[in-house]
Amino acid sequence: MKLTPLNITLACVLVWVISEMNLDTEMTFSWGWLITLCVILSLIDLGFRMIFKDLKKLWFAQIAFILVVSILMVVIRVL
């Protein structure tokens, strides 16, 4: 399995959720949403792998995807 930005993002999200499990505060999102996020990120990663065979293009496309989604989340949050 090749290491890609979406795999790294998924790993970071899982580590973040696991690290917050021991705190007494409420979880940021439920287990259902966490599983949904993991499945969606995995499917998007597979889709990118099917479209881009070259690893360099795959990395650029996935980083661009993560940046676009991040910017959209910030814009939606501000509005």
N, C-alpha and C. Protein backbone atom coordinates (compact mmCIF):
# COMPACT_ATOMS: atom_id res chain seq x y z
N MET A 1 0.84 -1.18 0.00
CA MET A 1 0.00 0.00 0.00
C MET A 1 0.88 1.24 0.00
N LYS A 2 0.61 2.14 -0.92
CA LYS A 2 1.40 3.36 -1.03
C LYS A 2 0.89 4.40 -0.03
N LEU A 3 1.80 5.18 0.49
CA LEU A 3 1.46 6.25 1.40
C LEU A 3 1.01 7.46 0.60
N THR A 4 -0.18 7.96 0.89
CA THR A 4 -0.73 9.11 0.18
C THR A 4 -1.23 10.14 1.19
N PRO A 5 -1.45 11.38 0.76
CA PRO A 5 -1.94 12.40 1.68
C PRO A 5 -3.27 12.06 2.34
N LEU A 6 -4.18 11.40 1.62
CA LEU A 6 -5.45 11.03 2.25
C LEU A 6 -5.27 9.95 3.31
N ASN A 7 -4.31 9.05 3.11
CA ASN A 7 -4.00 8.06 4.15
C ASN A 7 -3.43 8.74 5.38
N ILE A 8 -2.57 9.71 5.17
CA ILE A 8 -1.98 10.45 6.29
C ILE A 8 -3.07 11.23 7.02
N THR A 9 -3.98 11.86 6.28
CA THR A 9 -5.09 12.60 6.87
C THR A 9 -5.98 11.68 7.71
N LEU A 10 -6.29 10.53 7.17
CA LEU A 10 -7.13 9.57 7.90
C LEU A 10 -6.43 9.10 9.17
N ALA A 11 -5.14 8.84 9.10
CA ALA A 11 -4.40 8.42 10.28
C ALA A 11 -4.38 9.52 11.34
N CYS A 12 -4.21 10.77 10.92
CA CYS A 12 -4.21 11.89 11.87
C CYS A 12 -5.57 12.05 12.54
N VAL A 13 -6.64 11.90 11.78
CA VAL A 13 -7.99 12.00 12.36
C VAL A 13 -8.21 10.89 13.38
N LEU A 14 -7.82 9.68 13.04
CA LEU A 14 -8.00 8.56 13.97
C LEU A 14 -7.18 8.73 15.24
N VAL A 15 -5.94 9.20 15.11
CA VAL A 15 -5.11 9.44 16.30
C VAL A 15 -5.73 10.54 17.16
N TRP A 16 -6.25 11.57 16.53
CA TRP A 16 -6.89 12.67 17.26
C TRP A 16 -8.11 12.18 18.03
N VAL A 17 -8.95 11.37 17.39
CA VAL A 17 -10.15 10.85 18.06
C VAL A 17 -9.77 9.92 19.19
N ILE A 18 -8.81 9.06 18.97
CA ILE A 18 -8.38 8.13 20.02
C ILE A 18 -7.78 8.88 21.20
N SER A 19 -7.04 9.95 20.91
CA SER A 19 -6.44 10.72 22.02
C SER A 19 -7.49 11.47 22.81
N GLU A 20 -8.62 11.81 22.20
CA GLU A 20 -9.69 12.51 22.92
C GLU A 20 -10.63 11.57 23.64
N MET A 21 -10.53 10.27 23.40
CA MET A 21 -11.43 9.32 24.03
C MET A 21 -11.26 9.28 25.55
N ASN A 22 -10.07 9.49 26.04
CA ASN A 22 -9.81 9.39 27.48
C ASN A 22 -10.22 10.65 28.25
N LEU A 23 -10.49 11.73 27.54
CA LEU A 23 -10.90 12.95 28.22
C LEU A 23 -12.34 12.82 28.69
N ASP A 24 -12.70 13.56 29.73
CA ASP A 24 -14.04 13.49 30.28
C ASP A 24 -15.05 14.33 29.50
N THR A 25 -14.57 15.07 28.51
CA THR A 25 -15.48 15.90 27.73
C THR A 25 -16.18 15.08 26.66
N GLU A 26 -17.21 15.68 26.08
CA GLU A 26 -17.98 15.00 25.04
C GLU A 26 -17.16 14.91 23.76
N MET A 27 -17.34 13.82 23.00
CA MET A 27 -16.61 13.63 21.75
C MET A 27 -17.05 14.69 20.73
N THR A 28 -16.13 15.06 19.83
CA THR A 28 -16.42 16.06 18.82
C THR A 28 -17.51 15.58 17.88
N PHE A 29 -17.46 14.32 17.47
CA PHE A 29 -18.51 13.73 16.65
C PHE A 29 -18.69 12.27 17.03
N SER A 30 -19.82 11.70 16.65
CA SER A 30 -20.17 10.36 17.09
C SER A 30 -19.38 9.29 16.34
N TRP A 31 -19.51 8.05 16.82
CA TRP A 31 -18.83 6.92 16.19
C TRP A 31 -19.34 6.71 14.77
N GLY A 32 -20.63 6.93 14.57
CA GLY A 32 -21.21 6.76 13.23
C GLY A 32 -20.58 7.71 12.23
N TRP A 33 -20.42 8.98 12.62
CA TRP A 33 -19.79 9.95 11.73
C TRP A 33 -18.32 9.63 11.51
N LEU A 34 -17.64 9.11 12.52
CA LEU A 34 -16.24 8.73 12.38
C LEU A 34 -16.08 7.58 11.37
N ILE A 35 -16.94 6.60 11.47
CA ILE A 35 -16.88 5.47 10.53
C ILE A 35 -17.22 5.95 9.12
N THR A 36 -18.22 6.84 9.01
CA THR A 36 -18.59 7.40 7.71
C THR A 36 -17.42 8.17 7.11
N LEU A 37 -16.74 8.98 7.92
CA LEU A 37 -15.58 9.73 7.44
C LEU A 37 -14.48 8.80 6.97
N CYS A 38 -14.21 7.75 7.71
CA CYS A 38 -13.17 6.78 7.32
C CYS A 38 -13.51 6.11 5.99
N VAL A 39 -14.76 5.72 5.82
CA VAL A 39 -15.17 5.06 4.59
C VAL A 39 -15.09 6.02 3.41
N ILE A 40 -15.56 7.26 3.60
CA ILE A 40 -15.53 8.25 2.52
C ILE A 40 -14.09 8.56 2.12
N LEU A 41 -13.21 8.79 3.09
CA LEU A 41 -11.82 9.08 2.76
C LEU A 41 -11.15 7.90 2.05
N SER A 42 -11.47 6.69 2.48
CA SER A 42 -10.90 5.51 1.81
C SER A 42 -11.39 5.39 0.38
N LEU A 43 -12.68 5.63 0.15
CA LEU A 43 -13.23 5.55 -1.21
C LEU A 43 -12.67 6.64 -2.11
N ILE A 44 -12.52 7.85 -1.57
CA ILE A 44 -11.94 8.94 -2.35
C ILE A 44 -10.49 8.62 -2.70
N ASP A 45 -9.75 8.05 -1.74
CA ASP A 45 -8.37 7.65 -2.00
C ASP A 45 -8.31 6.60 -3.11
N LEU A 46 -9.19 5.61 -3.06
CA LEU A 46 -9.22 4.59 -4.12
C LEU A 46 -9.57 5.21 -5.47
N GLY A 47 -10.51 6.16 -5.46
CA GLY A 47 -10.87 6.83 -6.71
C GLY A 47 -9.70 7.60 -7.31
N PHE A 48 -8.97 8.31 -6.47
CA PHE A 48 -7.79 9.03 -6.95
C PHE A 48 -6.74 8.06 -7.48
N ARG A 49 -6.58 6.92 -6.82
CA ARG A 49 -5.59 5.93 -7.27
C ARG A 49 -5.97 5.35 -8.64
N MET A 50 -7.27 5.21 -8.90
CA MET A 50 -7.71 4.71 -10.20
C MET A 50 -7.49 5.74 -11.30
N ILE A 51 -7.69 7.01 -10.97
CA ILE A 51 -7.57 8.07 -11.97
C ILE A 51 -6.11 8.39 -12.26
N PHE A 52 -5.29 8.52 -11.23
CA PHE A 52 -3.89 8.92 -11.39
C PHE A 52 -2.98 7.73 -11.11
N LYS A 53 -2.34 7.25 -12.14
CA LYS A 53 -1.42 6.10 -11.99
C LYS A 53 -0.04 6.54 -11.51
N ASP A 54 0.37 7.76 -11.90
CA ASP A 54 1.67 8.30 -11.49
C ASP A 54 1.59 8.78 -10.05
N LEU A 55 2.53 8.35 -9.21
CA LEU A 55 2.49 8.68 -7.79
C LEU A 55 2.64 10.18 -7.55
N LYS A 56 3.45 10.86 -8.35
CA LYS A 56 3.64 12.30 -8.18
C LYS A 56 2.34 13.06 -8.47
N LYS A 57 1.64 12.69 -9.54
CA LYS A 57 0.37 13.34 -9.86
C LYS A 57 -0.69 13.01 -8.80
N LEU A 58 -0.63 11.80 -8.28
CA LEU A 58 -1.56 11.40 -7.23
C LEU A 58 -1.39 12.27 -5.99
N TRP A 59 -0.13 12.49 -5.60
CA TRP A 59 0.14 13.33 -4.43
C TRP A 59 -0.35 14.75 -4.66
N PHE A 60 -0.06 15.32 -5.82
CA PHE A 60 -0.51 16.69 -6.10
C PHE A 60 -2.03 16.79 -6.09
N ALA A 61 -2.70 15.82 -6.70
CA ALA A 61 -4.16 15.85 -6.76
C ALA A 61 -4.78 15.71 -5.37
N GLN A 62 -4.24 14.83 -4.55
CA GLN A 62 -4.80 14.64 -3.21
C GLN A 62 -4.51 15.83 -2.30
N ILE A 63 -3.34 16.42 -2.42
CA ILE A 63 -3.05 17.62 -1.63
C ILE A 63 -3.96 18.76 -2.05
N ALA A 64 -4.18 18.91 -3.35
CA ALA A 64 -5.10 19.94 -3.84
C ALA A 64 -6.51 19.68 -3.33
N PHE A 65 -6.94 18.43 -3.33
CA PHE A 65 -8.27 18.07 -2.82
C PHE A 65 -8.40 18.44 -1.34
N ILE A 66 -7.40 18.09 -0.54
CA ILE A 66 -7.43 18.40 0.88
C ILE A 66 -7.46 19.91 1.11
N LEU A 67 -6.68 20.67 0.34
CA LEU A 67 -6.67 22.13 0.48
C LEU A 67 -8.02 22.74 0.11
N VAL A 68 -8.62 22.27 -0.99
CA VAL A 68 -9.92 22.80 -1.41
C VAL A 68 -10.99 22.50 -0.37
N VAL A 69 -11.01 21.28 0.13
CA VAL A 69 -11.99 20.92 1.15
C VAL A 69 -11.77 21.73 2.43
N SER A 70 -10.53 21.93 2.82
CA SER A 70 -10.22 22.71 4.01
C SER A 70 -10.67 24.16 3.86
N ILE A 71 -10.40 24.75 2.72
CA ILE A 71 -10.81 26.14 2.47
C ILE A 71 -12.33 26.25 2.47
N LEU A 72 -13.00 25.30 1.83
CA LEU A 72 -14.47 25.31 1.83
C LEU A 72 -15.04 25.17 3.24
N MET A 73 -14.42 24.33 4.07
CA MET A 73 -14.90 24.18 5.44
C MET A 73 -14.75 25.48 6.22
N VAL A 74 -13.65 26.19 6.04
CA VAL A 74 -13.44 27.45 6.73
C VAL A 74 -14.45 28.49 6.24
N VAL A 75 -14.67 28.57 4.93
CA VAL A 75 -15.62 29.54 4.38
C VAL A 75 -17.03 29.25 4.89
N ILE A 76 -17.43 28.00 4.90
CA ILE A 76 -18.77 27.64 5.38
C ILE A 76 -18.89 27.94 6.86
N ARG A 77 -17.84 27.70 7.61
CA ARG A 77 -17.86 27.95 9.06
C ARG A 77 -18.00 29.45 9.36
N VAL A 78 -17.34 30.30 8.55
CA VAL A 78 -17.38 31.75 8.76
C VAL A 78 -18.77 32.29 8.42
N LEU A 79 -19.36 31.76 7.34
CA LEU A 79 -20.68 32.23 6.95
C LEU A 79 -21.70 31.71 7.92
